[in-house]
Amino acid sequence: DIRKNVFIPKYYDPRIERKIKELSTTHLIRDIGSM
């Protein structure tokens, strides 16, 4: 699951992934790059 050789723990903050699941019922989640 390591991305782009980034080994900074905060980069993978698991709380963010949990929050995405919570928000997905009311919000569309899109990254700025794809937009």
PDB file of all heavy atoms in Angstrom:
ATOM      1  N   ASP A   1       0.810  -1.222   0.000  1.00  0.00           N
ATOM      2  CA  ASP A   1       0.000   0.000   0.000  1.00  0.00           C
ATOM      3  C   ASP A   1       0.843   1.273   0.000  1.00  0.00           C
ATOM      4  O   ASP A   1       0.297   2.378  -0.007  1.00  0.00           O
ATOM      5  CB  ASP A   1      -0.920   0.014   1.226  1.00  0.00           C
ATOM      6  CG  ASP A   1      -1.997  -1.063   1.144  1.00  0.00           C
ATOM      7  OD1 ASP A   1      -2.406  -1.387   0.009  1.00  0.00           O
ATOM      8  OD2 ASP A   1      -2.416  -1.572   2.198  1.00  0.00           O
ATOM      9  N   ILE A   2       2.171   1.108   0.021  1.00  0.00           N
ATOM     10  CA  ILE A   2       3.044   2.284  -0.029  1.00  0.00           C
ATOM     11  C   ILE A   2       2.958   2.909  -1.415  1.00  0.00           C
ATOM     12  O   ILE A   2       3.082   2.221  -2.429  1.00  0.00           O
ATOM     13  CB  ILE A   2       4.511   1.901   0.285  1.00  0.00           C
ATOM     14  CG1 ILE A   2       4.630   1.349   1.716  1.00  0.00           C
ATOM     15  CG2 ILE A   2       5.446   3.092   0.097  1.00  0.00           C
ATOM     16  CD1 ILE A   2       4.314   2.373   2.793  1.00  0.00           C
ATOM     17  N   ARG A   3       2.736   4.224  -1.470  1.00  0.00           N
ATOM     18  CA  ARG A   3       2.570   4.933  -2.735  1.00  0.00           C
ATOM     19  C   ARG A   3       3.742   5.874  -2.990  1.00  0.00           C
ATOM     20  O   ARG A   3       4.143   6.633  -2.104  1.00  0.00           O
ATOM     21  CB  ARG A   3       1.256   5.726  -2.743  1.00  0.00           C
ATOM     22  CG  ARG A   3       0.018   4.898  -2.471  1.00  0.00           C
ATOM     23  CD  ARG A   3      -1.263   5.648  -2.833  1.00  0.00           C
ATOM     24  NE  ARG A   3      -1.472   6.855  -2.053  1.00  0.00           N
ATOM     25  CZ  ARG A   3      -2.154   6.898  -0.908  1.00  0.00           C
ATOM     26  NH1 ARG A   3      -2.662   5.770  -0.388  1.00  0.00           N
ATOM     27  NH2 ARG A   3      -2.331   8.040  -0.265  1.00  0.00           N
ATOM     28  N   LYS A   4       4.275   5.832  -4.198  1.00  0.00           N
ATOM     29  CA  LYS A   4       5.288   6.785  -4.662  1.00  0.00           C
ATOM     30  C   LYS A   4       6.486   6.885  -3.719  1.00  0.00           C
ATOM     31  O   LYS A   4       7.062   7.973  -3.554  1.00  0.00           O
ATOM     32  CB  LYS A   4       4.652   8.169  -4.851  1.00  0.00           C
ATOM     33  CG  LYS A   4       3.489   8.176  -5.831  1.00  0.00           C
ATOM     34  CD  LYS A   4       2.838   9.539  -5.924  1.00  0.00           C
ATOM     35  CE  LYS A   4       1.640   9.513  -6.849  1.00  0.00           C
ATOM     36  NZ  LYS A   4       0.947  10.827  -6.914  1.00  0.00           N
ATOM     37  N   ASN A   5       6.825   5.789  -3.064  1.00  0.00           N
ATOM     38  CA  ASN A   5       7.965   5.764  -2.143  1.00  0.00           C
ATOM     39  C   ASN A   5       7.835   6.780  -1.010  1.00  0.00           C
ATOM     40  O   ASN A   5       8.841   7.311  -0.514  1.00  0.00           O
ATOM     41  CB  ASN A   5       9.283   6.008  -2.887  1.00  0.00           C
ATOM     42  CG  ASN A   5       9.695   4.811  -3.728  1.00  0.00           C
ATOM     43  OD1 ASN A   5       9.520   3.662  -3.305  1.00  0.00           O
ATOM     44  ND2 ASN A   5      10.222   5.068  -4.920  1.00  0.00           N
ATOM     45  N   VAL A   6       6.600   7.063  -0.627  1.00  0.00           N
ATOM     46  CA  VAL A   6       6.365   7.978   0.497  1.00  0.00           C
ATOM     47  C   VAL A   6       6.285   7.148   1.774  1.00  0.00           C
ATOM     48  O   VAL A   6       5.410   6.292   1.915  1.00  0.00           O
ATOM     49  CB  VAL A   6       5.060   8.784   0.297  1.00  0.00           C
ATOM     50  CG1 VAL A   6       4.798   9.660   1.522  1.00  0.00           C
ATOM     51  CG2 VAL A   6       5.152   9.637  -0.968  1.00  0.00           C
ATOM     52  N   PHE A   7       7.203   7.419   2.711  1.00  0.00           N
ATOM     53  CA  PHE A   7       7.258   6.651   3.957  1.00  0.00           C
ATOM     54  C   PHE A   7       6.966   7.531   5.179  1.00  0.00           C
ATOM     55  O   PHE A   7       7.474   7.301   6.262  1.00  0.00           O
ATOM     56  CB  PHE A   7       8.630   5.983   4.105  1.00  0.00           C
ATOM     57  CG  PHE A   7       8.872   4.915   3.076  1.00  0.00           C
ATOM     58  CD1 PHE A   7       9.502   5.221   1.879  1.00  0.00           C
ATOM     59  CD2 PHE A   7       8.450   3.606   3.291  1.00  0.00           C
ATOM     60  CE1 PHE A   7       9.715   4.244   0.912  1.00  0.00           C
ATOM     61  CE2 PHE A   7       8.661   2.628   2.332  1.00  0.00           C
ATOM     62  CZ  PHE A   7       9.292   2.941   1.133  1.00  0.00           C
ATOM     63  N   ILE A   8       6.155   8.554   4.985  1.00  0.00           N
ATOM     64  CA  ILE A   8       5.746   9.427   6.084  1.00  0.00           C
ATOM     65  C   ILE A   8       4.430   8.883   6.642  1.00  0.00           C
ATOM     66  O   ILE A   8       3.425   8.826   5.918  1.00  0.00           O
ATOM     67  CB  ILE A   8       5.552  10.876   5.593  1.00  0.00           C
ATOM     68  CG1 ILE A   8       6.850  11.392   4.963  1.00  0.00           C
ATOM     69  CG2 ILE A   8       5.121  11.784   6.730  1.00  0.00           C
ATOM     70  CD1 ILE A   8       6.706  12.748   4.295  1.00  0.00           C
ATOM     71  N   PRO A   9       4.376   8.465   7.899  1.00  0.00           N
ATOM     72  CA  PRO A   9       3.158   7.857   8.448  1.00  0.00           C
ATOM     73  C   PRO A   9       1.895   8.696   8.259  1.00  0.00           C
ATOM     74  O   PRO A   9       0.839   8.169   7.888  1.00  0.00           O
ATOM     75  CB  PRO A   9       3.503   7.681   9.927  1.00  0.00           C
ATOM     76  CG  PRO A   9       4.979   7.523   9.940  1.00  0.00           C
ATOM     77  CD  PRO A   9       5.487   8.437   8.875  1.00  0.00           C
ATOM     78  N   LYS A  10       1.987  10.016   8.492  1.00  0.00           N
ATOM     79  CA  LYS A  10       0.780  10.841   8.427  1.00  0.00           C
ATOM     80  C   LYS A  10       0.161  10.849   7.023  1.00  0.00           C
ATOM     81  O   LYS A  10      -1.029  11.144   6.860  1.00  0.00           O
ATOM     82  CB  LYS A  10       1.087  12.278   8.860  1.00  0.00           C
ATOM     83  CG  LYS A  10       2.027  13.020   7.930  1.00  0.00           C
ATOM     84  CD  LYS A  10       2.251  14.464   8.389  1.00  0.00           C
ATOM     85  CE  LYS A  10       3.148  15.209   7.414  1.00  0.00           C
ATOM     86  NZ  LYS A  10       3.348  16.616   7.793  1.00  0.00           N
ATOM     87  N   TYR A  11       0.972  10.541   6.007  1.00  0.00           N
ATOM     88  CA  TYR A  11       0.481  10.514   4.633  1.00  0.00           C
ATOM     89  C   TYR A  11      -0.604   9.456   4.474  1.00  0.00           C
ATOM     90  O   TYR A  11      -1.464   9.572   3.594  1.00  0.00           O
ATOM     91  CB  TYR A  11       1.657  10.218   3.696  1.00  0.00           C
ATOM     92  CG  TYR A  11       1.339  10.211   2.216  1.00  0.00           C
ATOM     93  CD1 TYR A  11       1.238  11.401   1.505  1.00  0.00           C
ATOM     94  CD2 TYR A  11       1.161   9.020   1.529  1.00  0.00           C
ATOM     95  CE1 TYR A  11       0.968  11.396   0.134  1.00  0.00           C
ATOM     96  CE2 TYR A  11       0.893   9.001   0.165  1.00  0.00           C
ATOM     97  CZ  TYR A  11       0.797  10.194  -0.524  1.00  0.00           C
ATOM     98  OH  TYR A  11       0.531  10.187  -1.878  1.00  0.00           O
ATOM     99  N   TYR A  12      -0.584   8.439   5.328  1.00  0.00           N
ATOM    100  CA  TYR A  12      -1.530   7.324   5.233  1.00  0.00           C
ATOM    101  C   TYR A  12      -2.538   7.342   6.391  1.00  0.00           C
ATOM    102  O   TYR A  12      -3.081   6.302   6.744  1.00  0.00           O
ATOM    103  CB  TYR A  12      -0.764   5.997   5.227  1.00  0.00           C
ATOM    104  CG  TYR A  12       0.246   5.894   4.107  1.00  0.00           C
ATOM    105  CD1 TYR A  12       1.588   6.212   4.326  1.00  0.00           C
ATOM    106  CD2 TYR A  12      -0.139   5.513   2.822  1.00  0.00           C
ATOM    107  CE1 TYR A  12       2.518   6.128   3.307  1.00  0.00           C
ATOM    108  CE2 TYR A  12       0.789   5.432   1.795  1.00  0.00           C
ATOM    109  CZ  TYR A  12       2.116   5.744   2.029  1.00  0.00           C
ATOM    110  OH  TYR A  12       3.031   5.662   1.013  1.00  0.00           O
ATOM    111  N   ASP A  13      -2.760   8.495   6.948  1.00  0.00           N
ATOM    112  CA  ASP A  13      -3.659   8.642   8.107  1.00  0.00           C
ATOM    113  C   ASP A  13      -4.941   7.826   7.886  1.00  0.00           C
ATOM    114  O   ASP A  13      -5.760   8.164   7.023  1.00  0.00           O
ATOM    115  CB  ASP A  13      -3.997  10.119   8.296  1.00  0.00           C
ATOM    116  CG  ASP A  13      -4.759  10.395   9.581  1.00  0.00           C
ATOM    117  OD1 ASP A  13      -5.299   9.440  10.174  1.00  0.00           O
ATOM    118  OD2 ASP A  13      -4.823  11.571   9.990  1.00  0.00           O
ATOM    119  N   PRO A  14      -5.157   6.779   8.662  1.00  0.00           N
ATOM    120  CA  PRO A  14      -6.327   5.915   8.435  1.00  0.00           C
ATOM    121  C   PRO A  14      -7.656   6.597   8.734  1.00  0.00           C
ATOM    122  O   PRO A  14      -8.698   6.173   8.235  1.00  0.00           O
ATOM    123  CB  PRO A  14      -6.078   4.742   9.392  1.00  0.00           C
ATOM    124  CG  PRO A  14      -5.193   5.305  10.455  1.00  0.00           C
ATOM    125  CD  PRO A  14      -4.310   6.295   9.774  1.00  0.00           C
ATOM    126  N   ARG A  15      -7.602   7.671   9.515  1.00  0.00           N
ATOM    127  CA  ARG A  15      -8.846   8.383   9.832  1.00  0.00           C
ATOM    128  C   ARG A  15      -9.451   9.027   8.596  1.00  0.00           C
ATOM    129  O   ARG A  15     -10.673   9.170   8.483  1.00  0.00           O
ATOM    130  CB  ARG A  15      -8.583   9.436  10.916  1.00  0.00           C
ATOM    131  CG  ARG A  15      -8.186   8.854  12.270  1.00  0.00           C
ATOM    132  CD  ARG A  15      -7.758   9.931  13.240  1.00  0.00           C
ATOM    133  NE  ARG A  15      -6.584  10.658  12.751  1.00  0.00           N
ATOM    134  CZ  ARG A  15      -5.973  11.625  13.449  1.00  0.00           C
ATOM    135  NH1 ARG A  15      -6.432  11.969  14.645  1.00  0.00           N
ATOM    136  NH2 ARG A  15      -4.922  12.240  12.947  1.00  0.00           N
ATOM    137  N   ILE A  16      -8.591   9.419   7.666  1.00  0.00           N
ATOM    138  CA  ILE A  16      -9.090  10.032   6.432  1.00  0.00           C
ATOM    139  C   ILE A  16      -9.872   9.021   5.607  1.00  0.00           C
ATOM    140  O   ILE A  16     -10.953   9.326   5.075  1.00  0.00           O
ATOM    141  CB  ILE A  16      -7.920  10.632   5.625  1.00  0.00           C
ATOM    142  CG1 ILE A  16      -7.330  11.828   6.378  1.00  0.00           C
ATOM    143  CG2 ILE A  16      -8.376  11.051   4.224  1.00  0.00           C
ATOM    144  CD1 ILE A  16      -6.085  12.417   5.750  1.00  0.00           C
ATOM    145  N   GLU A  17      -9.347   7.800   5.501  1.00  0.00           N
ATOM    146  CA  GLU A  17     -10.046   6.757   4.739  1.00  0.00           C
ATOM    147  C   GLU A  17     -11.379   6.413   5.397  1.00  0.00           C
ATOM    148  O   GLU A  17     -12.391   6.198   4.708  1.00  0.00           O
ATOM    149  CB  GLU A  17      -9.175   5.503   4.642  1.00  0.00           C
ATOM    150  CG  GLU A  17      -7.881   5.709   3.863  1.00  0.00           C
ATOM    151  CD  GLU A  17      -8.123   6.202   2.446  1.00  0.00           C
ATOM    152  OE1 GLU A  17      -9.121   5.769   1.815  1.00  0.00           O
ATOM    153  OE2 GLU A  17      -7.317   7.011   1.946  1.00  0.00           O
ATOM    154  N   ARG A  18     -11.390   6.371   6.724  1.00  0.00           N
ATOM    155  CA  ARG A  18     -12.662   6.096   7.429  1.00  0.00           C
ATOM    156  C   ARG A  18     -13.662   7.212   7.178  1.00  0.00           C
ATOM    157  O   ARG A  18     -14.864   6.965   7.001  1.00  0.00           O
ATOM    158  CB  ARG A  18     -12.406   5.929   8.926  1.00  0.00           C
ATOM    159  CG  ARG A  18     -11.652   4.648   9.294  1.00  0.00           C
ATOM    160  CD  ARG A  18     -11.798   4.328  10.765  1.00  0.00           C
ATOM    161  NE  ARG A  18     -11.157   5.322  11.605  1.00  0.00           N
ATOM    162  CZ  ARG A  18      -9.900   5.217  12.054  1.00  0.00           C
ATOM    163  NH1 ARG A  18      -9.154   4.170  11.711  1.00  0.00           N
ATOM    164  NH2 ARG A  18      -9.384   6.146  12.828  1.00  0.00           N
ATOM    165  N   LYS A  19     -13.170   8.428   7.154  1.00  0.00           N
ATOM    166  CA  LYS A  19     -14.070   9.574   6.933  1.00  0.00           C
ATOM    167  C   LYS A  19     -14.639   9.563   5.520  1.00  0.00           C
ATOM    168  O   LYS A  19     -15.810   9.928   5.311  1.00  0.00           O
ATOM    169  CB  LYS A  19     -13.318  10.890   7.184  1.00  0.00           C
ATOM    170  CG  LYS A  19     -14.227  12.093   7.283  1.00  0.00           C
ATOM    171  CD  LYS A  19     -15.168  11.964   8.473  1.00  0.00           C
ATOM    172  CE  LYS A  19     -16.206  13.057   8.497  1.00  0.00           C
ATOM    173  NZ  LYS A  19     -17.142  12.928   9.619  1.00  0.00           N
ATOM    174  N   ILE A  20     -13.851   9.129   4.550  1.00  0.00           N
ATOM    175  CA  ILE A  20     -14.345   9.043   3.177  1.00  0.00           C
ATOM    176  C   ILE A  20     -15.541   8.096   3.103  1.00  0.00           C
ATOM    177  O   ILE A  20     -16.536   8.385   2.422  1.00  0.00           O
ATOM    178  CB  ILE A  20     -13.222   8.589   2.225  1.00  0.00           C
ATOM    179  CG1 ILE A  20     -12.210   9.720   2.031  1.00  0.00           C
ATOM    180  CG2 ILE A  20     -13.775   8.138   0.882  1.00  0.00           C
ATOM    181  CD1 ILE A  20     -10.991   9.343   1.221  1.00  0.00           C
ATOM    182  N   LYS A  21     -15.452   6.983   3.802  1.00  0.00           N
ATOM    183  CA  LYS A  21     -16.568   6.025   3.819  1.00  0.00           C
ATOM    184  C   LYS A  21     -17.806   6.648   4.449  1.00  0.00           C
ATOM    185  O   LYS A  21     -18.935   6.436   3.986  1.00  0.00           O
ATOM    186  CB  LYS A  21     -16.157   4.761   4.582  1.00  0.00           C
ATOM    187  CG  LYS A  21     -15.102   3.930   3.849  1.00  0.00           C
ATOM    188  CD  LYS A  21     -14.729   2.695   4.653  1.00  0.00           C
ATOM    189  CE  LYS A  21     -13.658   1.875   3.929  1.00  0.00           C
ATOM    190  NZ  LYS A  21     -13.245   0.680   4.707  1.00  0.00           N
ATOM    191  N   GLU A  22     -17.605   7.424   5.511  1.00  0.00           N
ATOM    192  CA  GLU A  22     -18.743   8.075   6.176  1.00  0.00           C
ATOM    193  C   GLU A  22     -19.395   9.106   5.256  1.00  0.00           C
ATOM    194  O   GLU A  22     -20.618   9.205   5.173  1.00  0.00           O
ATOM    195  CB  GLU A  22     -18.271   8.780   7.451  1.00  0.00           C
ATOM    196  CG  GLU A  22     -17.859   7.855   8.580  1.00  0.00           C
ATOM    197  CD  GLU A  22     -17.379   8.650   9.783  1.00  0.00           C
ATOM    198  OE1 GLU A  22     -17.786   9.823   9.927  1.00  0.00           O
ATOM    199  OE2 GLU A  22     -16.568   8.115  10.568  1.00  0.00           O
ATOM    200  N   LEU A  23     -18.564   9.877   4.570  1.00  0.00           N
ATOM    201  CA  LEU A  23     -19.079  10.976   3.746  1.00  0.00           C
ATOM    202  C   LEU A  23     -19.689  10.501   2.430  1.00  0.00           C
ATOM    203  O   LEU A  23     -20.485  11.225   1.818  1.00  0.00           O
ATOM    204  CB  LEU A  23     -17.953  11.968   3.432  1.00  0.00           C
ATOM    205  CG  LEU A  23     -17.440  12.835   4.596  1.00  0.00           C
ATOM    206  CD1 LEU A  23     -16.186  13.589   4.178  1.00  0.00           C
ATOM    207  CD2 LEU A  23     -18.525  13.827   5.033  1.00  0.00           C
ATOM    208  N   SER A  24     -19.326   9.313   1.983  1.00  0.00           N
ATOM    209  CA  SER A  24     -19.732   8.862   0.645  1.00  0.00           C
ATOM    210  C   SER A  24     -21.236   8.727   0.473  1.00  0.00           C
ATOM    211  O   SER A  24     -21.727   8.709  -0.660  1.00  0.00           O
ATOM    212  CB  SER A  24     -19.053   7.528   0.312  1.00  0.00           C
ATOM    213  OG  SER A  24     -19.436   6.536   1.253  1.00  0.00           O
ATOM    214  N   THR A  25     -21.984   8.654   1.567  1.00  0.00           N
ATOM    215  CA  THR A  25     -23.441   8.557   1.436  1.00  0.00           C
ATOM    216  C   THR A  25     -24.070   9.902   1.071  1.00  0.00           C
ATOM    217  O   THR A  25     -25.108   9.948   0.414  1.00  0.00           O
ATOM    218  CB  THR A  25     -24.064   8.048   2.754  1.00  0.00           C
ATOM    219  OG1 THR A  25     -23.693   8.929   3.813  1.00  0.00           O
ATOM    220  CG2 THR A  25     -23.591   6.638   3.065  1.00  0.00           C
ATOM    221  N   THR A  26     -23.432  10.988   1.516  1.00  0.00           N
ATOM    222  CA  THR A  26     -23.988  12.325   1.268  1.00  0.00           C
ATOM    223  C   THR A  26     -23.149  13.164   0.307  1.00  0.00           C
ATOM    224  O   THR A  26     -23.620  14.177  -0.206  1.00  0.00           O
ATOM    225  CB  THR A  26     -24.117  13.097   2.592  1.00  0.00           C
ATOM    226  OG1 THR A  26     -22.833  13.106   3.244  1.00  0.00           O
ATOM    227  CG2 THR A  26     -25.151  12.449   3.501  1.00  0.00           C
ATOM    228  N   HIS A  27     -21.898  12.759   0.084  1.00  0.00           N
ATOM    229  CA  HIS A  27     -20.988  13.535  -0.748  1.00  0.00           C
ATOM    230  C   HIS A  27     -20.368  12.665  -1.839  1.00  0.00           C
ATOM    231  O   HIS A  27     -20.104  11.487  -1.624  1.00  0.00           O
ATOM    232  CB  HIS A  27     -19.850  14.129   0.088  1.00  0.00           C
ATOM    233  CG  HIS A  27     -20.282  15.132   1.119  1.00  0.00           C
ATOM    234  ND1 HIS A  27     -20.981  14.771   2.250  1.00  0.00           N
ATOM    235  CD2 HIS A  27     -20.085  16.471   1.193  1.00  0.00           C
ATOM    236  CE1 HIS A  27     -21.203  15.852   2.984  1.00  0.00           C
ATOM    237  NE2 HIS A  27     -20.680  16.892   2.360  1.00  0.00           N
ATOM    238  N   LEU A  28     -20.127  13.283  -2.980  1.00  0.00           N
ATOM    239  CA  LEU A  28     -19.331  12.668  -4.033  1.00  0.00           C
ATOM    240  C   LEU A  28     -17.875  13.028  -3.740  1.00  0.00           C
ATOM    241  O   LEU A  28     -17.547  14.205  -3.558  1.00  0.00           O
ATOM    242  CB  LEU A  28     -19.740  13.213  -5.403  1.00  0.00           C
ATOM    243  CG  LEU A  28     -18.929  12.739  -6.610  1.00  0.00           C
ATOM    244  CD1 LEU A  28     -19.132  11.246  -6.823  1.00  0.00           C
ATOM    245  CD2 LEU A  28     -19.332  13.525  -7.851  1.00  0.00           C
ATOM    246  N   ILE A  29     -17.003  12.044  -3.635  1.00  0.00           N
ATOM    247  CA  ILE A  29     -15.599  12.297  -3.313  1.00  0.00           C
ATOM    248  C   ILE A  29     -14.768  12.249  -4.586  1.00  0.00           C
ATOM    249  O   ILE A  29     -14.692  11.211  -5.252  1.00  0.00           O
ATOM    250  CB  ILE A  29     -15.064  11.255  -2.301  1.00  0.00           C
ATOM    251  CG1 ILE A  29     -16.000  11.146  -1.085  1.00  0.00           C
ATOM    252  CG2 ILE A  29     -13.651  11.616  -1.873  1.00  0.00           C
ATOM    253  CD1 ILE A  29     -16.135  12.418  -0.289  1.00  0.00           C
ATOM    254  N   ARG A  30     -14.175  13.379  -4.949  1.00  0.00           N
ATOM    255  CA  ARG A  30     -13.351  13.447  -6.157  1.00  0.00           C
ATOM    256  C   ARG A  30     -12.025  14.122  -5.834  1.00  0.00           C
ATOM    257  O   ARG A  30     -11.988  15.129  -5.122  1.00  0.00           O
ATOM    258  CB  ARG A  30     -14.056  14.241  -7.258  1.00  0.00           C
ATOM    259  CG  ARG A  30     -15.313  13.567  -7.793  1.00  0.00           C
ATOM    260  CD  ARG A  30     -15.776  14.221  -9.083  1.00  0.00           C
ATOM    261  NE  ARG A  30     -14.797  14.061 -10.159  1.00  0.00           N
ATOM    262  CZ  ARG A  30     -15.002  14.509 -11.408  1.00  0.00           C
ATOM    263  NH1 ARG A  30     -16.143  15.132 -11.707  1.00  0.00           N
ATOM    264  NH2 ARG A  30     -14.079  14.334 -12.343  1.00  0.00           N
ATOM    265  N   ASP A  31     -10.932  13.567  -6.363  1.00  0.00           N
ATOM    266  CA  ASP A  31      -9.633  14.203  -6.141  1.00  0.00           C
ATOM    267  C   ASP A  31      -9.435  15.334  -7.139  1.00  0.00           C
ATOM    268  O   ASP A  31      -9.985  15.314  -8.252  1.00  0.00           O
ATOM    269  CB  ASP A  31      -8.492  13.185  -6.230  1.00  0.00           C
ATOM    270  CG  ASP A  31      -8.365  12.564  -7.613  1.00  0.00           C
ATOM    271  OD1 ASP A  31      -7.749  13.197  -8.482  1.00  0.00           O
ATOM    272  OD2 ASP A  31      -8.903  11.444  -7.803  1.00  0.00           O
ATOM    273  N   ILE A  32      -8.667  16.329  -6.730  1.00  0.00           N
ATOM    274  CA  ILE A  32      -8.465  17.517  -7.556  1.00  0.00           C
ATOM    275  C   ILE A  32      -7.808  17.163  -8.886  1.00  0.00           C
ATOM    276  O   ILE A  32      -8.142  17.745  -9.934  1.00  0.00           O
ATOM    277  CB  ILE A  32      -7.635  18.568  -6.785  1.00  0.00           C
ATOM    278  CG1 ILE A  32      -8.481  19.143  -5.635  1.00  0.00           C
ATOM    279  CG2 ILE A  32      -7.164  19.692  -7.702  1.00  0.00           C
ATOM    280  CD1 ILE A  32      -7.755  20.156  -4.766  1.00  0.00           C
ATOM    281  N   GLY A  33      -6.911  16.188  -8.875  1.00  0.00           N
ATOM    282  CA  GLY A  33      -6.240  15.785 -10.108  1.00  0.00           C
ATOM    283  C   GLY A  33      -7.209  15.330 -11.176  1.00  0.00           C
ATOM    284  O   GLY A  33      -7.118  15.746 -12.350  1.00  0.00           O
ATOM    285  N   SER A  34      -8.161  14.473 -10.812  1.00  0.00           N
ATOM    286  CA  SER A  34      -9.132  13.982 -11.796  1.00  0.00           C
ATOM    287  C   SER A  34     -10.058  15.099 -12.262  1.00  0.00           C
ATOM    288  O   SER A  34     -10.501  15.109 -13.412  1.00  0.00           O
ATOM    289  CB  SER A  34      -9.947  12.826 -11.208  1.00  0.00           C
ATOM    290  OG  SER A  34     -10.799  13.277 -10.160  1.00  0.00           O
ATOM    291  N   MET A  35     -10.347  16.048 -11.367  1.00  0.00           N
ATOM    292  CA  MET A  35     -11.187  17.182 -11.752  1.00  0.00           C
ATOM    293  C   MET A  35     -10.453  18.073 -12.749  1.00  0.00           C
ATOM    294  O   MET A  35     -11.063  18.621 -13.669  1.00  0.00           O
ATOM    295  CB  MET A  35     -11.590  17.974 -10.505  1.00  0.00           C
ATOM    296  CG  MET A  35     -12.507  17.186  -9.555  1.00  0.00           C
ATOM    297  SD  MET A  35     -12.810  18.037  -7.994  1.00  0.00           S
ATOM    298  CE  MET A  35     -13.864  19.385  -8.518  1.00  0.00           C
TER     299      MET A  35
END
